[in-house]
Amino acid sequence: MFGNLFGNIEERQAELQKKLESILLESSIMDGAVVVKANAKREILDIEIDSDKLDLSDIDQLQDLLVTAVNDVIGMASEAEQTESQKLISDIMPPGMGGLGDLFGK
């Protein structure tokens, strides 16, 4: 009964995962010295380090920049996932019940 009422939830979830995979995000630290690319599924896709913009012998600095960039891009992915999940909830709610989706975002 609820499967028809809310649509095929498993199918919608698979669509959401595919959408999240297609959303590409990027965090750039110190004017591109470290760039981390990820998707909204929180998968790191690439890490670029520009040796002309930082001292590679300063391991502590490099580690700090990597941690900062990775955390930044994961935060972006989390926000994108929340936005897309809210859209999914709004889309599957029956007419007149769309406001219930706000319960899941808090």
PDB file of N, CA and C in Angstrom:
ATOM      1  N   MET A   1       0.815  -1.191   0.000  1.00  0.00           N
ATOM      2  CA  MET A   1       0.000   0.000   0.000  1.00  0.00           C
ATOM      3  C   MET A   1       0.865   1.264   0.000  1.00  0.00           C
ATOM      4  N   PHE A   2       1.795   1.356   0.970  1.00  0.00           N
ATOM      5  CA  PHE A   2       2.630   2.552   1.049  1.00  0.00           C
ATOM      6  C   PHE A   2       3.613   2.634  -0.110  1.00  0.00           C
ATOM      7  N   GLY A   3       3.978   1.481  -0.682  1.00  0.00           N
ATOM      8  CA  GLY A   3       4.878   1.498  -1.835  1.00  0.00           C
ATOM      9  C   GLY A   3       4.299   2.304  -2.977  1.00  0.00           C
ATOM     10  N   ASN A   4       3.020   2.144  -3.232  1.00  0.00           N
ATOM     11  CA  ASN A   4       2.362   2.911  -4.294  1.00  0.00           C
ATOM     12  C   ASN A   4       2.130   4.353  -3.876  1.00  0.00           C
ATOM     13  N   LEU A   5       1.856   4.555  -2.584  1.00  0.00           N
ATOM     14  CA  LEU A   5       1.585   5.896  -2.088  1.00  0.00           C
ATOM     15  C   LEU A   5       2.825   6.786  -2.186  1.00  0.00           C
ATOM     16  N   PHE A   6       3.958   6.265  -1.825  1.00  0.00           N
ATOM     17  CA  PHE A   6       5.191   7.044  -1.816  1.00  0.00           C
ATOM     18  C   PHE A   6       6.070   6.802  -3.039  1.00  0.00           C
ATOM     19  N   GLY A   7       5.619   6.012  -3.985  1.00  0.00           N
ATOM     20  CA  GLY A   7       6.431   5.692  -5.144  1.00  0.00           C
ATOM     21  C   GLY A   7       7.395   4.580  -4.804  1.00  0.00           C
ATOM     22  N   ASN A   8       8.157   4.170  -5.750  1.00  0.00           N
ATOM     23  CA  ASN A   8       9.119   3.092  -5.528  1.00  0.00           C
ATOM     24  C   ASN A   8      10.339   3.678  -4.815  1.00  0.00           C
ATOM     25  N   ILE A   9      10.375   3.520  -3.500  1.00  0.00           N
ATOM     26  CA  ILE A   9      11.415   4.148  -2.686  1.00  0.00           C
ATOM     27  C   ILE A   9      12.804   3.625  -3.043  1.00  0.00           C
ATOM     28  N   GLU A  10      12.923   2.317  -3.271  1.00  0.00           N
ATOM     29  CA  GLU A  10      14.236   1.759  -3.622  1.00  0.00           C
ATOM     30  C   GLU A  10      14.750   2.351  -4.927  1.00  0.00           C
ATOM     31  N   GLU A  11      13.850   2.499  -5.880  1.00  0.00           N
ATOM     32  CA  GLU A  11      14.236   3.078  -7.174  1.00  0.00           C
ATOM     33  C   GLU A  11      14.645   4.539  -7.005  1.00  0.00           C
ATOM     34  N   ARG A  12      13.890   5.261  -6.209  1.00  0.00           N
ATOM     35  CA  ARG A  12      14.217   6.672  -5.961  1.00  0.00           C
ATOM     36  C   ARG A  12      15.562   6.804  -5.239  1.00  0.00           C
ATOM     37  N   GLN A  13      15.821   5.888  -4.293  1.00  0.00           N
ATOM     38  CA  GLN A  13      17.089   5.916  -3.559  1.00  0.00           C
ATOM     39  C   GLN A  13      18.254   5.661  -4.517  1.00  0.00           C
ATOM     40  N   ALA A  14      18.076   4.720  -5.435  1.00  0.00           N
ATOM     41  CA  ALA A  14      19.121   4.440  -6.426  1.00  0.00           C
ATOM     42  C   ALA A  14      19.360   5.663  -7.313  1.00  0.00           C
ATOM     43  N   GLU A  15      18.276   6.347  -7.685  1.00  0.00           N
ATOM     44  CA  GLU A  15      18.399   7.575  -8.478  1.00  0.00           C
ATOM     45  C   GLU A  15      19.157   8.642  -7.695  1.00  0.00           C
ATOM     46  N   LEU A  16      18.862   8.735  -6.393  1.00  0.00           N
ATOM     47  CA  LEU A  16      19.551   9.705  -5.544  1.00  0.00           C
ATOM     48  C   LEU A  16      21.044   9.411  -5.498  1.00  0.00           C
ATOM     49  N   GLN A  17      21.409   8.152  -5.328  1.00  0.00           N
ATOM     50  CA  GLN A  17      22.822   7.788  -5.271  1.00  0.00           C
ATOM     51  C   GLN A  17      23.528   8.126  -6.583  1.00  0.00           C
ATOM     52  N   LYS A  18      22.853   7.883  -7.693  1.00  0.00           N
ATOM     53  CA  LYS A  18      23.436   8.207  -9.003  1.00  0.00           C
ATOM     54  C   LYS A  18      23.603   9.722  -9.152  1.00  0.00           C
ATOM     55  N   LYS A  19      22.610  10.475  -8.687  1.00  0.00           N
ATOM     56  CA  LYS A  19      22.681  11.938  -8.738  1.00  0.00           C
ATOM     57  C   LYS A  19      23.846  12.439  -7.876  1.00  0.00           C
ATOM     58  N   LEU A  20      23.985  11.883  -6.654  1.00  0.00           N
ATOM     59  CA  LEU A  20      25.072  12.302  -5.775  1.00  0.00           C
ATOM     60  C   LEU A  20      26.433  12.012  -6.390  1.00  0.00           C
ATOM     61  N   GLU A  21      26.521  10.897  -7.082  1.00  0.00           N
ATOM     62  CA  GLU A  21      27.779  10.531  -7.739  1.00  0.00           C
ATOM     63  C   GLU A  21      28.138  11.526  -8.840  1.00  0.00           C
ATOM     64  N   SER A  22      27.123  12.127  -9.454  1.00  0.00           N
ATOM     65  CA  SER A  22      27.371  13.044 -10.573  1.00  0.00           C
ATOM     66  C   SER A  22      27.663  14.479 -10.123  1.00  0.00           C
ATOM     67  N   ILE A  23      27.413  14.795  -8.856  1.00  0.00           N
ATOM     68  CA  ILE A  23      27.680  16.147  -8.344  1.00  0.00           C
ATOM     69  C   ILE A  23      29.151  16.229  -7.948  1.00  0.00           C
ATOM     70  N   LEU A  24      29.907  17.017  -8.690  1.00  0.00           N
ATOM     71  CA  LEU A  24      31.343  17.139  -8.450  1.00  0.00           C
ATOM     72  C   LEU A  24      31.650  18.395  -7.637  1.00  0.00           C
ATOM     73  N   LEU A  25      32.514  18.222  -6.643  1.00  0.00           N
ATOM     74  CA  LEU A  25      32.857  19.301  -5.719  1.00  0.00           C
ATOM     75  C   LEU A  25      34.375  19.451  -5.665  1.00  0.00           C
ATOM     76  N   GLU A  26      34.815  20.643  -5.286  1.00  0.00           N
ATOM     77  CA  GLU A  26      36.256  20.892  -5.237  1.00  0.00           C
ATOM     78  C   GLU A  26      36.580  21.859  -4.111  1.00  0.00           C
ATOM     79  N   SER A  27      37.630  21.538  -3.371  1.00  0.00           N
ATOM     80  CA  SER A  27      38.151  22.437  -2.340  1.00  0.00           C
ATOM     81  C   SER A  27      39.590  22.787  -2.711  1.00  0.00           C
ATOM     82  N   SER A  28      39.868  24.082  -2.754  1.00  0.00           N
ATOM     83  CA  SER A  28      41.203  24.566  -3.105  1.00  0.00           C
ATOM     84  C   SER A  28      41.741  25.375  -1.936  1.00  0.00           C
ATOM     85  N   ILE A  29      42.945  25.015  -1.481  1.00  0.00           N
ATOM     86  CA  ILE A  29      43.569  25.664  -0.334  1.00  0.00           C
ATOM     87  C   ILE A  29      44.841  26.376  -0.792  1.00  0.00           C
ATOM     88  N   MET A  30      45.106  27.527  -0.201  1.00  0.00           N
ATOM     89  CA  MET A  30      46.310  28.320  -0.498  1.00  0.00           C
ATOM     90  C   MET A  30      46.481  28.566  -2.001  1.00  0.00           C
ATOM     91  N   ASP A  31      45.448  29.143  -2.593  1.00  0.00           N
ATOM     92  CA  ASP A  31      45.508  29.520  -4.005  1.00  0.00           C
ATOM     93  C   ASP A  31      45.877  28.342  -4.907  1.00  0.00           C
ATOM     94  N   GLY A  32      45.302  27.171  -4.607  1.00  0.00           N
ATOM     95  CA  GLY A  32      45.520  26.003  -5.454  1.00  0.00           C
ATOM     96  C   GLY A  32      46.732  25.168  -5.101  1.00  0.00           C
ATOM     97  N   ALA A  33      47.364  25.440  -3.975  1.00  0.00           N
ATOM     98  CA  ALA A  33      48.512  24.622  -3.569  1.00  0.00           C
ATOM     99  C   ALA A  33      48.064  23.178  -3.340  1.00  0.00           C
ATOM    100  N   VAL A  34      46.875  23.021  -2.746  1.00  0.00           N
ATOM    101  CA  VAL A  34      46.273  21.703  -2.551  1.00  0.00           C
ATOM    102  C   VAL A  34      44.828  21.791  -3.028  1.00  0.00           C
ATOM    103  N   VAL A  35      44.451  20.885  -3.915  1.00  0.00           N
ATOM    104  CA  VAL A  35      43.092  20.822  -4.431  1.00  0.00           C
ATOM    105  C   VAL A  35      42.583  19.406  -4.232  1.00  0.00           C
ATOM    106  N   VAL A  36      41.411  19.286  -3.602  1.00  0.00           N
ATOM    107  CA  VAL A  36      40.786  17.985  -3.400  1.00  0.00           C
ATOM    108  C   VAL A  36      39.452  17.993  -4.134  1.00  0.00           C
ATOM    109  N   LYS A  37      39.254  16.970  -4.960  1.00  0.00           N
ATOM    110  CA  LYS A  37      38.007  16.837  -5.712  1.00  0.00           C
ATOM    111  C   LYS A  37      37.266  15.602  -5.208  1.00  0.00           C
ATOM    112  N   ALA A  38      35.953  15.758  -5.091  1.00  0.00           N
ATOM    113  CA  ALA A  38      35.123  14.664  -4.592  1.00  0.00           C
ATOM    114  C   ALA A  38      33.755  14.756  -5.253  1.00  0.00           C
ATOM    115  N   ASN A  39      32.921  13.764  -4.979  1.00  0.00           N
ATOM    116  CA  ASN A  39      31.530  13.848  -5.394  1.00  0.00           C
ATOM    117  C   ASN A  39      30.655  13.921  -4.145  1.00  0.00           C
ATOM    118  N   ALA A  40      29.364  14.105  -4.339  1.00  0.00           N
ATOM    119  CA  ALA A  40      28.459  14.264  -3.207  1.00  0.00           C
ATOM    120  C   ALA A  40      28.184  12.950  -2.478  1.00  0.00           C
ATOM    121  N   LYS A  41      28.733  11.842  -2.974  1.00  0.00           N
ATOM    122  CA  LYS A  41      28.670  10.576  -2.240  1.00  0.00           C
ATOM    123  C   LYS A  41      29.817  10.486  -1.244  1.00  0.00           C
ATOM    124  N   ARG A  42      30.569  11.569  -1.117  1.00  0.00           N
ATOM    125  CA  ARG A  42      31.719  11.669  -0.210  1.00  0.00           C
ATOM    126  C   ARG A  42      32.865  10.754  -0.619  1.00  0.00           C
ATOM    127  N   GLU A  43      32.998  10.586  -1.914  1.00  0.00           N
ATOM    128  CA  GLU A  43      34.125   9.820  -2.463  1.00  0.00           C
ATOM    129  C   GLU A  43      35.168  10.806  -2.970  1.00  0.00           C
ATOM    130  N   ILE A  44      36.406  10.684  -2.477  1.00  0.00           N
ATOM    131  CA  ILE A  44      37.496  11.536  -2.953  1.00  0.00           C
ATOM    132  C   ILE A  44      37.896  11.023  -4.336  1.00  0.00           C
ATOM    133  N   LEU A  45      37.881  11.912  -5.322  1.00  0.00           N
ATOM    134  CA  LEU A  45      38.166  11.535  -6.704  1.00  0.00           C
ATOM    135  C   LEU A  45      39.594  11.865  -7.117  1.00  0.00           C
ATOM    136  N   ASP A  46      40.139  12.945  -6.534  1.00  0.00           N
ATOM    137  CA  ASP A  46      41.473  13.367  -6.937  1.00  0.00           C
ATOM    138  C   ASP A  46      42.044  14.325  -5.892  1.00  0.00           C
ATOM    139  N   ILE A  47      43.353  14.282  -5.749  1.00  0.00           N
ATOM    140  CA  ILE A  47      44.068  15.237  -4.908  1.00  0.00           C
ATOM    141  C   ILE A  47      45.232  15.769  -5.736  1.00  0.00           C
ATOM    142  N   GLU A  48      45.297  17.086  -5.860  1.00  0.00           N
ATOM    143  CA  GLU A  48      46.370  17.728  -6.608  1.00  0.00           C
ATOM    144  C   GLU A  48      47.214  18.550  -5.641  1.00  0.00           C
ATOM    145  N   ILE A  49      48.523  18.449  -5.786  1.00  0.00           N
ATOM    146  CA  ILE A  49      49.447  19.219  -4.965  1.00  0.00           C
ATOM    147  C   ILE A  49      50.383  19.962  -5.908  1.00  0.00           C
ATOM    148  N   ASP A  50      50.393  21.282  -5.809  1.00  0.00           N
ATOM    149  CA  ASP A  50      51.236  22.111  -6.663  1.00  0.00           C
ATOM    150  C   ASP A  50      52.533  22.409  -5.910  1.00  0.00           C
ATOM    151  N   SER A  51      53.592  21.726  -6.294  1.00  0.00           N
ATOM    152  CA  SER A  51      54.881  21.865  -5.589  1.00  0.00           C
ATOM    153  C   SER A  51      55.499  23.247  -5.770  1.00  0.00           C
ATOM    154  N   ASP A  52      55.024  24.019  -6.741  1.00  0.00           N
ATOM    155  CA  ASP A  52      55.539  25.380  -6.927  1.00  0.00           C
ATOM    156  C   ASP A  52      54.955  26.346  -5.892  1.00  0.00           C
ATOM    157  N   LYS A  53      53.855  25.945  -5.251  1.00  0.00           N
ATOM    158  CA  LYS A  53      53.178  26.849  -4.318  1.00  0.00           C
ATOM    159  C   LYS A  53      53.428  26.519  -2.852  1.00  0.00           C
ATOM    160  N   LEU A  54      54.134  25.429  -2.572  1.00  0.00           N
ATOM    161  CA  LEU A  54      54.448  25.122  -1.183  1.00  0.00           C
ATOM    162  C   LEU A  54      55.715  24.298  -1.083  1.00  0.00           C
ATOM    163  N   ASP A  55      56.245  24.266   0.101  1.00  0.00           N
ATOM    164  CA  ASP A  55      57.484  23.554   0.381  1.00  0.00           C
ATOM    165  C   ASP A  55      57.149  22.108   0.743  1.00  0.00           C
ATOM    166  N   LEU A  56      57.450  21.179  -0.160  1.00  0.00           N
ATOM    167  CA  LEU A  56      57.113  19.772   0.068  1.00  0.00           C
ATOM    168  C   LEU A  56      57.928  19.146   1.196  1.00  0.00           C
ATOM    169  N   SER A  57      58.986  19.795   1.609  1.00  0.00           N
ATOM    170  CA  SER A  57      59.758  19.250   2.732  1.00  0.00           C
ATOM    171  C   SER A  57      59.083  19.569   4.076  1.00  0.00           C
ATOM    172  N   ASP A  58      58.118  20.490   4.061  1.00  0.00           N
ATOM    173  CA  ASP A  58      57.366  20.831   5.275  1.00  0.00           C
ATOM    174  C   ASP A  58      56.146  19.904   5.359  1.00  0.00           C
ATOM    175  N   ILE A  59      56.385  18.700   5.828  1.00  0.00           N
ATOM    176  CA  ILE A  59      55.353  17.661   5.883  1.00  0.00           C
ATOM    177  C   ILE A  59      54.175  18.089   6.759  1.00  0.00           C
ATOM    178  N   ASP A  60      54.464  18.748   7.872  1.00  0.00           N
ATOM    179  CA  ASP A  60      53.389  19.183   8.770  1.00  0.00           C
ATOM    180  C   ASP A  60      52.424  20.129   8.055  1.00  0.00           C
ATOM    181  N   GLN A  61      52.961  21.079   7.299  1.00  0.00           N
ATOM    182  CA  GLN A  61      52.114  22.009   6.561  1.00  0.00           C
ATOM    183  C   GLN A  61      51.286  21.261   5.517  1.00  0.00           C
ATOM    184  N   LEU A  62      51.918  20.364   4.785  1.00  0.00           N
ATOM    185  CA  LEU A  62      51.216  19.599   3.755  1.00  0.00           C
ATOM    186  C   LEU A  62      50.090  18.778   4.365  1.00  0.00           C
ATOM    187  N   GLN A  63      50.360  18.120   5.473  1.00  0.00           N
ATOM    188  CA  GLN A  63      49.327  17.324   6.143  1.00  0.00           C
ATOM    189  C   GLN A  63      48.170  18.215   6.595  1.00  0.00           C
ATOM    190  N   ASP A  64      48.480  19.366   7.168  1.00  0.00           N
ATOM    191  CA  ASP A  64      47.437  20.288   7.614  1.00  0.00           C
ATOM    192  C   ASP A  64      46.571  20.764   6.443  1.00  0.00           C
ATOM    193  N   LEU A  65      47.219  21.084   5.325  1.00  0.00           N
ATOM    194  CA  LEU A  65      46.477  21.538   4.150  1.00  0.00           C
ATOM    195  C   LEU A  65      45.593  20.424   3.593  1.00  0.00           C
ATOM    196  N   LEU A  66      46.111  19.210   3.561  1.00  0.00           N
ATOM    197  CA  LEU A  66      45.322  18.079   3.077  1.00  0.00           C
ATOM    198  C   LEU A  66      44.105  17.823   3.972  1.00  0.00           C
ATOM    199  N   VAL A  67      44.321  17.844   5.275  1.00  0.00           N
ATOM    200  CA  VAL A  67      43.212  17.633   6.213  1.00  0.00           C
ATOM    201  C   VAL A  67      42.155  18.725   6.026  1.00  0.00           C
ATOM    202  N   THR A  68      42.592  19.966   5.919  1.00  0.00           N
ATOM    203  CA  THR A  68      41.663  21.078   5.736  1.00  0.00           C
ATOM    204  C   THR A  68      40.862  20.933   4.451  1.00  0.00           C
ATOM    205  N   ALA A  69      41.538  20.636   3.352  1.00  0.00           N
ATOM    206  CA  ALA A  69      40.860  20.516   2.056  1.00  0.00           C
ATOM    207  C   ALA A  69      39.902  19.328   2.041  1.00  0.00           C
ATOM    208  N   VAL A  70      40.325  18.200   2.603  1.00  0.00           N
ATOM    209  CA  VAL A  70      39.457  17.015   2.626  1.00  0.00           C
ATOM    210  C   VAL A  70      38.225  17.289   3.486  1.00  0.00           C
ATOM    211  N   ASN A  71      38.422  17.862   4.664  1.00  0.00           N
ATOM    212  CA  ASN A  71      37.276  18.168   5.525  1.00  0.00           C
ATOM    213  C   ASN A  71      36.327  19.158   4.861  1.00  0.00           C
ATOM    214  N   ASP A  72      36.878  20.131   4.158  1.00  0.00           N
ATOM    215  CA  ASP A  72      36.065  21.126   3.468  1.00  0.00           C
ATOM    216  C   ASP A  72      35.204  20.474   2.388  1.00  0.00           C
ATOM    217  N   VAL A  73      35.801  19.621   1.569  1.00  0.00           N
ATOM    218  CA  VAL A  73      35.050  19.003   0.478  1.00  0.00           C
ATOM    219  C   VAL A  73      34.037  17.982   1.019  1.00  0.00           C
ATOM    220  N   ILE A  74      34.341  17.328   2.125  1.00  0.00           N
ATOM    221  CA  ILE A  74      33.378  16.413   2.736  1.00  0.00           C
ATOM    222  C   ILE A  74      32.186  17.206   3.280  1.00  0.00           C
ATOM    223  N   GLY A  75      32.446  18.375   3.847  1.00  0.00           N
ATOM    224  CA  GLY A  75      31.354  19.244   4.299  1.00  0.00           C
ATOM    225  C   GLY A  75      30.461  19.675   3.148  1.00  0.00           C
ATOM    226  N   MET A  76      31.080  20.021   2.019  1.00  0.00           N
ATOM    227  CA  MET A  76      30.304  20.383   0.828  1.00  0.00           C
ATOM    228  C   MET A  76      29.449  19.208   0.370  1.00  0.00           C
ATOM    229  N   ALA A  77      30.035  18.010   0.398  1.00  0.00           N
ATOM    230  CA  ALA A  77      29.311  16.808  -0.029  1.00  0.00           C
ATOM    231  C   ALA A  77      28.133  16.533   0.893  1.00  0.00           C
ATOM    232  N   SER A  78      28.328  16.735   2.175  1.00  0.00           N
ATOM    233  CA  SER A  78      27.258  16.526   3.145  1.00  0.00           C
ATOM    234  C   SER A  78      26.088  17.476   2.876  1.00  0.00           C
ATOM    235  N   GLU A  79      26.405  18.736   2.608  1.00  0.00           N
ATOM    236  CA  GLU A  79      25.365  19.723   2.297  1.00  0.00           C
ATOM    237  C   GLU A  79      24.631  19.362   1.009  1.00  0.00           C
ATOM    238  N   ALA A  80      25.370  18.951  -0.010  1.00  0.00           N
ATOM    239  CA  ALA A  80      24.754  18.571  -1.281  1.00  0.00           C
ATOM    240  C   ALA A  80      23.855  17.345  -1.089  1.00  0.00           C
ATOM    241  N   GLU A  81      24.318  16.382  -0.288  1.00  0.00           N
ATOM    242  CA  GLU A  81      23.517  15.187  -0.027  1.00  0.00           C
ATOM    243  C   GLU A  81      22.224  15.555   0.695  1.00  0.00           C
ATOM    244  N   GLN A  82      22.308  16.443   1.666  1.00  0.00           N
ATOM    245  CA  GLN A  82      21.120  16.862   2.404  1.00  0.00           C
ATOM    246  C   GLN A  82      20.128  17.568   1.480  1.00  0.00           C
ATOM    247  N   THR A  83      20.628  18.434   0.617  1.00  0.00           N
ATOM    248  CA  THR A  83      19.765  19.149  -0.330  1.00  0.00           C
ATOM    249  C   THR A  83      19.060  18.176  -1.268  1.00  0.00           C
ATOM    250  N   GLU A  84      19.813  17.236  -1.821  1.00  0.00           N
ATOM    251  CA  GLU A  84      19.226  16.265  -2.755  1.00  0.00           C
ATOM    252  C   GLU A  84      18.263  15.321  -2.035  1.00  0.00           C
ATOM    253  N   SER A  85      18.561  14.973  -0.799  1.00  0.00           N
ATOM    254  CA  SER A  85      17.656  14.113  -0.027  1.00  0.00           C
ATOM    255  C   SER A  85      16.343  14.824   0.258  1.00  0.00           C
ATOM    256  N   GLN A  86      16.414  16.114   0.574  1.00  0.00           N
ATOM    257  CA  GLN A  86      15.197  16.893   0.799  1.00  0.00           C
ATOM    258  C   GLN A  86      14.346  16.950  -0.467  1.00  0.00           C
ATOM    259  N   LYS A  87      15.003  17.098  -1.623  1.00  0.00           N
ATOM    260  CA  LYS A  87      14.265  17.102  -2.886  1.00  0.00           C
ATOM    261  C   LYS A  87      13.564  15.762  -3.083  1.00  0.00           C
ATOM    262  N   LEU A  88      14.262  14.677  -2.780  1.00  0.00           N
ATOM    263  CA  LEU A  88      13.682  13.348  -2.926  1.00  0.00           C
ATOM    264  C   LEU A  88      12.463  13.192  -2.024  1.00  0.00           C
ATOM    265  N   ILE A  89      12.581  13.606  -0.774  1.00  0.00           N
ATOM    266  CA  ILE A  89      11.469  13.495   0.171  1.00  0.00           C
ATOM    267  C   ILE A  89      10.283  14.320  -0.323  1.00  0.00           C
ATOM    268  N   SER A  90      10.545  15.528  -0.803  1.00  0.00           N
ATOM    269  CA  SER A  90       9.470  16.381  -1.325  1.00  0.00           C
ATOM    270  C   SER A  90       8.798  15.745  -2.528  1.00  0.00           C
ATOM    271  N   ASP A  91       9.593  15.102  -3.374  1.00  0.00           N
ATOM    272  CA  ASP A  91       9.042  14.483  -4.583  1.00  0.00           C
ATOM    273  C   ASP A  91       8.176  13.270  -4.283  1.00  0.00           C
ATOM    274  N   ILE A  92       8.517  12.523  -3.228  1.00  0.00           N
ATOM    275  CA  ILE A  92       7.755  11.292  -2.976  1.00  0.00           C
ATOM    276  C   ILE A  92       6.553  11.505  -2.056  1.00  0.00           C
ATOM    277  N   MET A  93       6.479  12.663  -1.404  1.00  0.00           N
ATOM    278  CA  MET A  93       5.347  12.927  -0.528  1.00  0.00           C
ATOM    279  C   MET A  93       4.085  13.130  -1.361  1.00  0.00           C
ATOM    280  N   PRO A  94       2.991  12.562  -0.910  1.00  0.00           N
ATOM    281  CA  PRO A  94       1.717  12.792  -1.607  1.00  0.00           C
ATOM    282  C   PRO A  94       1.340  14.270  -1.554  1.00  0.00           C
ATOM    283  N   PRO A  95       0.532  14.737  -2.500  1.00  0.00           N
ATOM    284  CA  PRO A  95       0.115  16.138  -2.508  1.00  0.00           C
ATOM    285  C   PRO A  95      -0.489  16.535  -1.158  1.00  0.00           C
ATOM    286  N   GLY A  96      -0.113  17.702  -0.683  1.00  0.00           N
ATOM    287  CA  GLY A  96      -0.634  18.197   0.580  1.00  0.00           C
ATOM    288  C   GLY A  96       0.179  17.769   1.785  1.00  0.00           C
ATOM    289  N   MET A  97       1.136  16.855   1.599  1.00  0.00           N
ATOM    290  CA  MET A  97       1.951  16.379   2.712  1.00  0.00           C
ATOM    291  C   MET A  97       3.410  16.804   2.570  1.00  0.00           C
ATOM    292  N   GLY A  98       3.687  17.653   1.594  1.00  0.00           N
ATOM    293  CA  GLY A  98       5.064  18.063   1.324  1.00  0.00           C
ATOM    294  C   GLY A  98       5.758  18.694   2.508  1.00  0.00           C
ATOM    295  N   GLY A  99       5.032  19.360   3.397  1.00  0.00           N
ATOM    296  CA  GLY A  99       5.626  19.990   4.572  1.00  0.00           C
ATOM    297  C   GLY A  99       6.197  19.002   5.559  1.00  0.00           C
ATOM    298  N   LEU A 100       5.769  17.744   5.472  1.00  0.00           N
ATOM    299  CA  LEU A 100       6.304  16.727   6.378  1.00  0.00           C
ATOM    300  C   LEU A 100       7.768  16.462   6.116  1.00  0.00           C
ATOM    301  N   GLY A 101       8.238  16.750   4.913  1.00  0.00           N
ATOM    302  CA  GLY A 101       9.645  16.546   4.592  1.00  0.00           C
ATOM    303  C   GLY A 101      10.554  17.371   5.481  1.00  0.00           C
ATOM    304  N   ASP A 102      10.054  18.493   6.005  1.00  0.00           N
ATOM    305  CA  ASP A 102      10.858  19.331   6.901  1.00  0.00           C
ATOM    306  C   ASP A 102      11.193  18.613   8.206  1.00  0.00           C
ATOM    307  N   LEU A 103      10.381  17.642   8.575  1.00  0.00           N
ATOM    308  CA  LEU A 103      10.651  16.880   9.803  1.00  0.00           C
ATOM    309  C   LEU A 103      11.952  16.110   9.708  1.00  0.00           C
ATOM    310  N   PHE A 104      12.314  15.676   8.501  1.00  0.00           N
ATOM    311  CA  PHE A 104      13.492  14.839   8.308  1.00  0.00           C
ATOM    312  C   PHE A 104      14.767  15.666   8.237  1.00  0.00           C
ATOM    313  N   GLY A 105      14.672  16.955   7.981  1.00  0.00           N
ATOM    314  CA  GLY A 105      15.847  17.793   7.839  1.00  0.00           C
ATOM    315  C   GLY A 105      16.304  18.419   9.138  1.00  0.00           C
ATOM    316  N   LYS A 106      15.588  18.167  10.212  1.00  0.00           N
ATOM    317  CA  LYS A 106      15.946  18.812  11.483  1.00  0.00           C
ATOM    318  C   LYS A 106      16.519  17.839  12.445  1.00  0.00           C
TER     319      LYS A 106
END
